[in-house]
Protein backbone atom coordinates (compact mmCIF):
# COMPACT_ATOMS: atom_id res chain seq x y z
CA MET A 1 106.27 80.56 130.54
CA GLN A 2 107.15 82.31 127.32
CA CYS A 3 105.62 85.44 125.83
CA ARG A 4 102.52 84.92 123.73
CA GLU A 5 103.05 85.57 120.04
CA ASN A 6 101.53 88.81 118.74
CA CYS A 7 100.80 90.15 122.24
CA GLY A 8 102.95 93.10 123.32
CA ALA A 9 100.57 93.96 126.20
CA CYS A 10 103.51 94.67 128.54
CA CYS A 11 104.82 97.19 125.96
CA ILE A 12 101.50 99.02 125.77
CA ALA A 13 99.55 98.92 129.06
CA PRO A 14 102.06 100.04 131.74
CA SER A 15 103.68 103.42 132.03
CA ILE A 16 107.46 103.45 131.88
CA THR A 17 109.16 106.41 133.52
CA SER A 18 112.74 105.64 132.45
CA PRO A 19 114.12 106.56 129.02
CA ILE A 20 113.55 104.19 126.15
CA PRO A 21 115.50 104.56 122.88
CA GLY A 22 113.33 106.86 120.79
CA MET A 23 111.23 107.85 123.84
CA PRO A 24 113.59 109.86 126.12
CA ASN A 25 110.80 110.62 128.61
CA GLY A 26 109.50 107.03 128.77
CA LYS A 27 105.87 106.39 127.90
CA LYS A 28 102.41 106.84 129.31
CA ALA A 29 100.13 103.98 130.28
CA GLY A 30 98.26 102.77 127.19
CA GLU A 31 100.80 104.27 124.82
CA ARG A 32 102.48 101.87 122.41
CA CYS A 33 106.24 101.70 122.91
CA ILE A 34 108.15 102.85 119.85
CA GLN A 35 110.34 99.73 120.20
CA LEU A 36 107.39 97.38 119.61
CA ASN A 37 107.46 96.02 116.05
CA ALA A 38 104.50 95.14 113.80
CA HIS A 39 104.45 91.61 115.25
CA HIS A 40 104.23 92.98 118.82
CA GLN A 41 107.82 91.98 119.64
CA CYS A 42 110.34 94.18 121.41
CA LYS A 43 113.09 95.38 119.03
CA ILE A 44 115.52 95.89 121.94
CA PHE A 45 114.62 92.78 123.95
CA SER A 46 118.14 91.45 124.43
CA LYS A 47 119.97 94.79 124.28
CA ALA A 48 121.51 96.86 127.06
CA GLU A 49 119.27 99.84 126.14
CA ARG A 50 116.19 97.95 127.31
CA PRO A 51 114.88 99.61 130.48
CA ALA A 52 115.23 97.70 133.75
CA PHE A 53 111.45 97.94 134.23
CA CYS A 54 110.90 96.04 131.00
CA ALA A 55 113.42 93.38 131.94
CA SER A 56 111.69 92.93 135.29
CA LEU A 57 108.37 91.99 133.66
CA GLN A 58 108.31 88.25 133.19
CA PRO A 59 105.46 86.41 131.43
CA SER A 60 103.13 84.66 133.88
CA LEU A 61 99.80 82.93 133.69
CA GLU A 62 98.31 85.57 135.97
CA MET A 63 99.49 88.45 133.78
CA CYS A 64 99.21 86.95 130.32
CA GLY A 65 96.16 84.73 130.75
CA ASP A 66 95.60 81.14 129.82
CA MET A 67 95.29 80.60 126.06
CA THR A 68 93.58 77.24 126.66
CA LEU A 69 90.78 79.17 128.38
CA GLY A 70 90.54 81.62 125.49
CA GLN A 71 92.18 84.44 127.48
CA SER A 72 93.65 86.64 124.80
CA ARG A 73 96.02 89.53 124.34
CA GLU A 74 93.11 91.76 125.36
CA TYR A 75 93.00 89.90 128.72
CA ALA A 76 96.68 90.74 129.28
CA ILE A 77 96.18 94.41 128.38
CA ALA A 78 93.19 94.67 130.71
CA TRP A 79 95.07 92.92 133.57
CA LEU A 80 98.12 95.21 133.20
CA THR A 81 95.95 98.30 132.84
CA ASN A 82 94.17 97.44 136.08
CA LEU A 83 97.53 96.90 137.81
CA GLU A 84 98.76 100.24 136.49
CA GLN A 85 95.68 101.97 137.94
CA LEU A 86 95.98 100.22 141.31
CA THR A 87 99.61 101.25 141.71
CA GLN A 88 99.29 104.92 140.79
CA PRO A 89 100.21 107.36 143.57
CA ASN A 90 97.26 109.24 145.09
């Protein structure tokens, strides 16, 4: 599966604790990554500076939703936000 055009949910919904170029302390859940361009594409996608966490996220039907069922970018943001909340330490 490939990333949905104009999505960027995985660059917004989850927290990232490792440094990102331009965000030395990472980012909070729900915060837009500074490396996300206006078309919701990662500007450092194929570069060594891309955090390992980001590289580990692979598009999947479960995470991204099924466009044929009308599941949108908002579906992906909601799914990832729920996962973020479920995996937070107590």
